[in-house]
Amino acid sequence: MTPYEVALLWASLILSVSTLFFFSAVTSRRSVVMPLALFVVGGFVMYYAVTLSGGQFTISDLPNAIIKLFGRLF
């Protein structure tokens, strides 16, 4: 896997988890600072992934990276 695909997978994982944490914090009336900080980190990782791609990021790269990851694991 290329560094672009690895960064893309990490970014999508961080953004997904931070979204879940955000909604959990809002419904439990807790502070949303940590989920927002995690979302910002995920955004920076996504920006890093897009710069690694040379500006040719397409949304179809994410499913392809997930398929490659499962192909390597199994």
PDB file of N, CA and C in Angstrom:
ATOM      1  N   MET A   1       0.832  -1.174   0.000  1.00  0.00           N
ATOM      2  CA  MET A   1       0.000   0.000   0.000  1.00  0.00           C
ATOM      3  C   MET A   1       0.881   1.243   0.000  1.00  0.00           C
ATOM      4  N   THR A   2       0.447   2.230  -0.712  1.00  0.00           N
ATOM      5  CA  THR A   2       1.204   3.470  -0.804  1.00  0.00           C
ATOM      6  C   THR A   2       0.953   4.326   0.438  1.00  0.00           C
ATOM      7  N   PRO A   3       1.860   5.247   0.727  1.00  0.00           N
ATOM      8  CA  PRO A   3       1.635   6.144   1.870  1.00  0.00           C
ATOM      9  C   PRO A   3       0.346   6.951   1.725  1.00  0.00           C
ATOM     10  N   TYR A   4      -0.037   7.262   0.498  1.00  0.00           N
ATOM     11  CA  TYR A   4      -1.288   7.978   0.251  1.00  0.00           C
ATOM     12  C   TYR A   4      -2.486   7.169   0.728  1.00  0.00           C
ATOM     13  N   GLU A   5      -2.504   5.883   0.419  1.00  0.00           N
ATOM     14  CA  GLU A   5      -3.625   5.031   0.828  1.00  0.00           C
ATOM     15  C   GLU A   5      -3.663   4.842   2.336  1.00  0.00           C
ATOM     16  N   VAL A   6      -2.506   4.715   2.950  1.00  0.00           N
ATOM     17  CA  VAL A   6      -2.446   4.565   4.408  1.00  0.00           C
ATOM     18  C   VAL A   6      -2.958   5.832   5.095  1.00  0.00           C
ATOM     19  N   ALA A   7      -2.519   6.989   4.617  1.00  0.00           N
ATOM     20  CA  ALA A   7      -2.985   8.251   5.204  1.00  0.00           C
ATOM     21  C   ALA A   7      -4.477   8.430   4.968  1.00  0.00           C
ATOM     22  N   LEU A   8      -4.968   8.015   3.819  1.00  0.00           N
ATOM     23  CA  LEU A   8      -6.390   8.121   3.515  1.00  0.00           C
ATOM     24  C   LEU A   8      -7.219   7.244   4.450  1.00  0.00           C
ATOM     25  N   LEU A   9      -6.737   6.047   4.720  1.00  0.00           N
ATOM     26  CA  LEU A   9      -7.444   5.157   5.640  1.00  0.00           C
ATOM     27  C   LEU A   9      -7.441   5.709   7.067  1.00  0.00           C
ATOM     28  N   TRP A  10      -6.295   6.201   7.521  1.00  0.00           N
ATOM     29  CA  TRP A  10      -6.225   6.771   8.863  1.00  0.00           C
ATOM     30  C   TRP A  10      -7.125   7.986   8.986  1.00  0.00           C
ATOM     31  N   ALA A  11      -7.130   8.839   7.970  1.00  0.00           N
ATOM     32  CA  ALA A  11      -7.963  10.035   8.015  1.00  0.00           C
ATOM     33  C   ALA A  11      -9.439   9.678   8.080  1.00  0.00           C
ATOM     34  N   SER A  12      -9.856   8.719   7.280  1.00  0.00           N
ATOM     35  CA  SER A  12     -11.274   8.340   7.299  1.00  0.00           C
ATOM     36  C   SER A  12     -11.649   7.695   8.625  1.00  0.00           C
ATOM     37  N   LEU A  13     -10.745   6.921   9.216  1.00  0.00           N
ATOM     38  CA  LEU A  13     -11.007   6.322  10.516  1.00  0.00           C
ATOM     39  C   LEU A  13     -11.117   7.390  11.610  1.00  0.00           C
ATOM     40  N   ILE A  14     -10.188   8.330  11.628  1.00  0.00           N
ATOM     41  CA  ILE A  14     -10.195   9.384  12.644  1.00  0.00           C
ATOM     42  C   ILE A  14     -11.434  10.262  12.503  1.00  0.00           C
ATOM     43  N   LEU A  15     -11.796  10.614  11.270  1.00  0.00           N
ATOM     44  CA  LEU A  15     -12.971  11.457  11.061  1.00  0.00           C
ATOM     45  C   LEU A  15     -14.256  10.732  11.459  1.00  0.00           C
ATOM     46  N   SER A  16     -14.328   9.442  11.167  1.00  0.00           N
ATOM     47  CA  SER A  16     -15.519   8.667  11.542  1.00  0.00           C
ATOM     48  C   SER A  16     -15.660   8.560  13.056  1.00  0.00           C
ATOM     49  N   VAL A  17     -14.568   8.238  13.721  1.00  0.00           N
ATOM     50  CA  VAL A  17     -14.596   8.084  15.177  1.00  0.00           C
ATOM     51  C   VAL A  17     -14.903   9.416  15.850  1.00  0.00           C
ATOM     52  N   SER A  18     -14.310  10.491  15.349  1.00  0.00           N
ATOM     53  CA  SER A  18     -14.570  11.787  15.976  1.00  0.00           C
ATOM     54  C   SER A  18     -16.026  12.216  15.792  1.00  0.00           C
ATOM     55  N   THR A  19     -16.636  11.862  14.672  1.00  0.00           N
ATOM     56  CA  THR A  19     -18.050  12.180  14.474  1.00  0.00           C
ATOM     57  C   THR A  19     -18.917  11.415  15.474  1.00  0.00           C
ATOM     58  N   LEU A  20     -18.607  10.141  15.672  1.00  0.00           N
ATOM     59  CA  LEU A  20     -19.349   9.357  16.657  1.00  0.00           C
ATOM     60  C   LEU A  20     -19.163   9.898  18.070  1.00  0.00           C
ATOM     61  N   PHE A  21     -17.925  10.263  18.415  1.00  0.00           N
ATOM     62  CA  PHE A  21     -17.651  10.833  19.732  1.00  0.00           C
ATOM     63  C   PHE A  21     -18.374  12.167  19.918  1.00  0.00           C
ATOM     64  N   PHE A  22     -18.460  12.960  18.860  1.00  0.00           N
ATOM     65  CA  PHE A  22     -19.144  14.246  18.937  1.00  0.00           C
ATOM     66  C   PHE A  22     -20.625  14.052  19.278  1.00  0.00           C
ATOM     67  N   PHE A  23     -21.292  13.164  18.537  1.00  0.00           N
ATOM     68  CA  PHE A  23     -22.706  12.939  18.801  1.00  0.00           C
ATOM     69  C   PHE A  23     -22.930  12.317  20.179  1.00  0.00           C
ATOM     70  N   SER A  24     -22.024  11.469  20.609  1.00  0.00           N
ATOM     71  CA  SER A  24     -22.129  10.891  21.944  1.00  0.00           C
ATOM     72  C   SER A  24     -21.983  11.970  23.012  1.00  0.00           C
ATOM     73  N   ALA A  25     -21.050  12.886  22.825  1.00  0.00           N
ATOM     74  CA  ALA A  25     -20.845  13.956  23.798  1.00  0.00           C
ATOM     75  C   ALA A  25     -22.032  14.909  23.837  1.00  0.00           C
ATOM     76  N   VAL A  26     -22.598  15.197  22.675  1.00  0.00           N
ATOM     77  CA  VAL A  26     -23.741  16.109  22.638  1.00  0.00           C
ATOM     78  C   VAL A  26     -24.947  15.492  23.331  1.00  0.00           C
ATOM     79  N   THR A  27     -25.225  14.231  23.068  1.00  0.00           N
ATOM     80  CA  THR A  27     -26.395  13.601  23.681  1.00  0.00           C
ATOM     81  C   THR A  27     -26.209  13.370  25.174  1.00  0.00           C
ATOM     82  N   SER A  28     -24.964  13.225  25.630  1.00  0.00           N
ATOM     83  CA  SER A  28     -24.702  13.031  27.059  1.00  0.00           C
ATOM     84  C   SER A  28     -24.440  14.351  27.778  1.00  0.00           C
ATOM     85  N   ARG A  29     -24.492  15.453  27.053  1.00  0.00           N
ATOM     86  CA  ARG A  29     -24.244  16.791  27.589  1.00  0.00           C
ATOM     87  C   ARG A  29     -22.873  16.906  28.226  1.00  0.00           C
ATOM     88  N   ARG A  30     -21.901  16.347  27.524  1.00  0.00           N
ATOM     89  CA  ARG A  30     -20.506  16.474  27.948  1.00  0.00           C
ATOM     90  C   ARG A  30     -19.807  17.483  27.041  1.00  0.00           C
ATOM     91  N   SER A  31     -18.574  17.786  27.349  1.00  0.00           N
ATOM     92  CA  SER A  31     -17.795  18.728  26.558  1.00  0.00           C
ATOM     93  C   SER A  31     -17.489  18.131  25.184  1.00  0.00           C
ATOM     94  N   VAL A  32     -17.554  18.962  24.157  1.00  0.00           N
ATOM     95  CA  VAL A  32     -17.294  18.492  22.794  1.00  0.00           C
ATOM     96  C   VAL A  32     -15.917  18.923  22.308  1.00  0.00           C
ATOM     97  N   VAL A  33     -15.062  19.368  23.219  1.00  0.00           N
ATOM     98  CA  VAL A  33     -13.744  19.862  22.834  1.00  0.00           C
ATOM     99  C   VAL A  33     -12.882  18.734  22.272  1.00  0.00           C
ATOM    100  N   MET A  34     -12.851  17.609  22.926  1.00  0.00           N
ATOM    101  CA  MET A  34     -12.003  16.510  22.466  1.00  0.00           C
ATOM    102  C   MET A  34     -12.458  15.950  21.111  1.00  0.00           C
ATOM    103  N   PRO A  35     -13.745  15.702  20.897  1.00  0.00           N
ATOM    104  CA  PRO A  35     -14.153  15.252  19.562  1.00  0.00           C
ATOM    105  C   PRO A  35     -13.844  16.267  18.465  1.00  0.00           C
ATOM    106  N   LEU A  36     -13.984  17.551  18.763  1.00  0.00           N
ATOM    107  CA  LEU A  36     -13.656  18.566  17.765  1.00  0.00           C
ATOM    108  C   LEU A  36     -12.158  18.604  17.478  1.00  0.00           C
ATOM    109  N   ALA A  37     -11.350  18.435  18.512  1.00  0.00           N
ATOM    110  CA  ALA A  37      -9.899  18.387  18.317  1.00  0.00           C
ATOM    111  C   ALA A  37      -9.513  17.169  17.493  1.00  0.00           C
ATOM    112  N   LEU A  38     -10.158  16.059  17.751  1.00  0.00           N
ATOM    113  CA  LEU A  38      -9.902  14.842  16.976  1.00  0.00           C
ATOM    114  C   LEU A  38     -10.330  15.022  15.527  1.00  0.00           C
ATOM    115  N   PHE A  39     -11.430  15.736  15.309  1.00  0.00           N
ATOM    116  CA  PHE A  39     -11.891  16.019  13.954  1.00  0.00           C
ATOM    117  C   PHE A  39     -10.887  16.892  13.200  1.00  0.00           C
ATOM    118  N   VAL A  40     -10.296  17.854  13.898  1.00  0.00           N
ATOM    119  CA  VAL A  40      -9.283  18.710  13.279  1.00  0.00           C
ATOM    120  C   VAL A  40      -8.058  17.889  12.905  1.00  0.00           C
ATOM    121  N   VAL A  41      -7.650  16.980  13.788  1.00  0.00           N
ATOM    122  CA  VAL A  41      -6.511  16.103  13.486  1.00  0.00           C
ATOM    123  C   VAL A  41      -6.818  15.246  12.256  1.00  0.00           C
ATOM    124  N   GLY A  42      -8.032  14.701  12.192  1.00  0.00           N
ATOM    125  CA  GLY A  42      -8.430  13.924  11.029  1.00  0.00           C
ATOM    126  C   GLY A  42      -8.432  14.755   9.759  1.00  0.00           C
ATOM    127  N   GLY A  43      -8.828  16.012   9.877  1.00  0.00           N
ATOM    128  CA  GLY A  43      -8.789  16.910   8.722  1.00  0.00           C
ATOM    129  C   GLY A  43      -7.372  17.161   8.251  1.00  0.00           C
ATOM    130  N   PHE A  44      -6.444  17.331   9.180  1.00  0.00           N
ATOM    131  CA  PHE A  44      -5.047  17.515   8.798  1.00  0.00           C
ATOM    132  C   PHE A  44      -4.478  16.261   8.139  1.00  0.00           C
ATOM    133  N   VAL A  45      -4.849  15.093   8.639  1.00  0.00           N
ATOM    134  CA  VAL A  45      -4.374  13.852   8.024  1.00  0.00           C
ATOM    135  C   VAL A  45      -4.969  13.701   6.618  1.00  0.00           C
ATOM    136  N   MET A  46      -6.233  14.098   6.444  1.00  0.00           N
ATOM    137  CA  MET A  46      -6.846  14.064   5.117  1.00  0.00           C
ATOM    138  C   MET A  46      -6.151  15.042   4.180  1.00  0.00           C
ATOM    139  N   TYR A  47      -5.813  16.224   4.681  1.00  0.00           N
ATOM    140  CA  TYR A  47      -5.069  17.195   3.881  1.00  0.00           C
ATOM    141  C   TYR A  47      -3.713  16.627   3.472  1.00  0.00           C
ATOM    142  N   TYR A  48      -3.043  15.960   4.408  1.00  0.00           N
ATOM    143  CA  TYR A  48      -1.759  15.321   4.116  1.00  0.00           C
ATOM    144  C   TYR A  48      -1.922  14.252   3.035  1.00  0.00           C
ATOM    145  N   ALA A  49      -2.989  13.482   3.125  1.00  0.00           N
ATOM    146  CA  ALA A  49      -3.231  12.441   2.124  1.00  0.00           C
ATOM    147  C   ALA A  49      -3.472  13.050   0.753  1.00  0.00           C
ATOM    148  N   VAL A  50      -4.212  14.131   0.700  1.00  0.00           N
ATOM    149  CA  VAL A  50      -4.489  14.775  -0.588  1.00  0.00           C
ATOM    150  C   VAL A  50      -3.209  15.369  -1.171  1.00  0.00           C
ATOM    151  N   THR A  51      -2.340  15.929  -0.329  1.00  0.00           N
ATOM    152  CA  THR A  51      -1.085  16.455  -0.848  1.00  0.00           C
ATOM    153  C   THR A  51      -0.165  15.332  -1.304  1.00  0.00           C
ATOM    154  N   LEU A  52      -0.252  14.157  -0.672  1.00  0.00           N
ATOM    155  CA  LEU A  52       0.541  13.014  -1.134  1.00  0.00           C
ATOM    156  C   LEU A  52       0.065  12.514  -2.494  1.00  0.00           C
ATOM    157  N   SER A  53      -1.223  12.693  -2.785  1.00  0.00           N
ATOM    158  CA  SER A  53      -1.752  12.214  -4.052  1.00  0.00           C
ATOM    159  C   SER A  53      -1.373  13.125  -5.208  1.00  0.00           C
ATOM    160  N   GLY A  54      -0.804  14.264  -4.911  1.00  0.00           N
ATOM    161  CA  GLY A  54      -0.448  15.190  -5.970  1.00  0.00           C
ATOM    162  C   GLY A  54      -1.636  16.010  -6.443  1.00  0.00           C
ATOM    163  N   GLY A  55      -2.653  16.117  -5.606  1.00  0.00           N
ATOM    164  CA  GLY A  55      -3.822  16.900  -5.958  1.00  0.00           C
ATOM    165  C   GLY A  55      -4.813  16.171  -6.836  1.00  0.00           C
ATOM    166  N   GLN A  56      -4.635  14.873  -7.024  1.00  0.00           N
ATOM    167  CA  GLN A  56      -5.535  14.101  -7.879  1.00  0.00           C
ATOM    168  C   GLN A  56      -6.395  13.167  -7.050  1.00  0.00           C
ATOM    169  N   PHE A  57      -6.917  13.678  -5.951  1.00  0.00           N
ATOM    170  CA  PHE A  57      -7.752  12.890  -5.053  1.00  0.00           C
ATOM    171  C   PHE A  57      -9.125  12.670  -5.677  1.00  0.00           C
ATOM    172  N   THR A  58      -9.558  11.435  -5.717  1.00  0.00           N
ATOM    173  CA  THR A  58     -10.926  11.126  -6.136  1.00  0.00           C
ATOM    174  C   THR A  58     -11.571  10.306  -5.028  1.00  0.00           C
ATOM    175  N   ILE A  59     -12.875  10.428  -4.910  1.00  0.00           N
ATOM    176  CA  ILE A  59     -13.591   9.743  -3.831  1.00  0.00           C
ATOM    177  C   ILE A  59     -13.527   8.230  -3.992  1.00  0.00           C
ATOM    178  N   SER A  60     -13.304   7.746  -5.196  1.00  0.00           N
ATOM    179  CA  SER A  60     -13.218   6.295  -5.409  1.00  0.00           C
ATOM    180  C   SER A  60     -11.916   5.709  -4.877  1.00  0.00           C
ATOM    181  N   ASP A  61     -10.976   6.551  -4.488  1.00  0.00           N
ATOM    182  CA  ASP A  61      -9.726   6.038  -3.914  1.00  0.00           C
ATOM    183  C   ASP A  61      -9.950   5.407  -2.547  1.00  0.00           C
ATOM    184  N   LEU A  62     -10.919   5.895  -1.799  1.00  0.00           N
ATOM    185  CA  LEU A  62     -11.167   5.360  -0.458  1.00  0.00           C
ATOM    186  C   LEU A  62     -11.659   3.917  -0.487  1.00  0.00           C
ATOM    187  N   PRO A  63     -12.688   3.562  -1.268  1.00  0.00           N
ATOM    188  CA  PRO A  63     -13.086   2.145  -1.318  1.00  0.00           C
ATOM    189  C   PRO A  63     -11.976   1.245  -1.858  1.00  0.00           C
ATOM    190  N   ASN A  64     -11.205   1.753  -2.805  1.00  0.00           N
ATOM    191  CA  ASN A  64     -10.094   0.955  -3.338  1.00  0.00           C
ATOM    192  C   ASN A  64      -9.042   0.694  -2.259  1.00  0.00           C
ATOM    193  N   ALA A  65      -8.774   1.690  -1.422  1.00  0.00           N
ATOM    194  CA  ALA A  65      -7.806   1.513  -0.334  1.00  0.00           C
ATOM    195  C   ALA A  65      -8.323   0.524   0.701  1.00  0.00           C
ATOM    196  N   ILE A  66      -9.626   0.564   0.985  1.00  0.00           N
ATOM    197  CA  ILE A  66     -10.212  -0.383   1.945  1.00  0.00           C
ATOM    198  C   ILE A  66     -10.142  -1.801   1.396  1.00  0.00           C
ATOM    199  N   ILE A  67     -10.422  -1.967   0.126  1.00  0.00           N
ATOM    200  CA  ILE A  67     -10.343  -3.293  -0.499  1.00  0.00           C
ATOM    201  C   ILE A  67      -8.913  -3.810  -0.472  1.00  0.00           C
ATOM    202  N   LYS A  68      -7.941  -2.942  -0.733  1.00  0.00           N
ATOM    203  CA  LYS A  68      -6.532  -3.359  -0.668  1.00  0.00           C
ATOM    204  C   LYS A  68      -6.147  -3.773   0.742  1.00  0.00           C
ATOM    205  N   LEU A  69      -6.663  -3.028   1.743  1.00  0.00           N
ATOM    206  CA  LEU A  69      -6.348  -3.351   3.133  1.00  0.00           C
ATOM    207  C   LEU A  69      -6.886  -4.722   3.495  1.00  0.00           C
ATOM    208  N   PHE A  70      -8.156  -4.997   3.169  1.00  0.00           N
ATOM    209  CA  PHE A  70      -8.727  -6.318   3.466  1.00  0.00           C
ATOM    210  C   PHE A  70      -8.050  -7.415   2.649  1.00  0.00           C
ATOM    211  N   GLY A  71      -7.624  -7.095   1.441  1.00  0.00           N
ATOM    212  CA  GLY A  71      -6.904  -8.070   0.626  1.00  0.00           C
ATOM    213  C   GLY A  71      -5.568  -8.455   1.237  1.00  0.00           C
ATOM    214  N   ARG A  72      -4.913  -7.486   1.861  1.00  0.00           N
ATOM    215  CA  ARG A  72      -3.642  -7.794   2.507  1.00  0.00           C
ATOM    216  C   ARG A  72      -3.820  -8.524   3.816  1.00  0.00           C
ATOM    217  N   LEU A  73      -4.935  -8.266   4.512  1.00  0.00           N
ATOM    218  CA  LEU A  73      -5.164  -8.915   5.800  1.00  0.00           C
ATOM    219  C   LEU A  73      -5.617 -10.362   5.661  1.00  0.00           C
ATOM    220  N   PHE A  74      -6.422 -10.631   4.637  1.00  0.00           N
ATOM    221  CA  PHE A  74      -6.997 -11.965   4.515  1.00  0.00           C
ATOM    222  C   PHE A  74      -6.458 -12.669   3.345  1.00  0.00           C
TER     223      PHE A  74
END
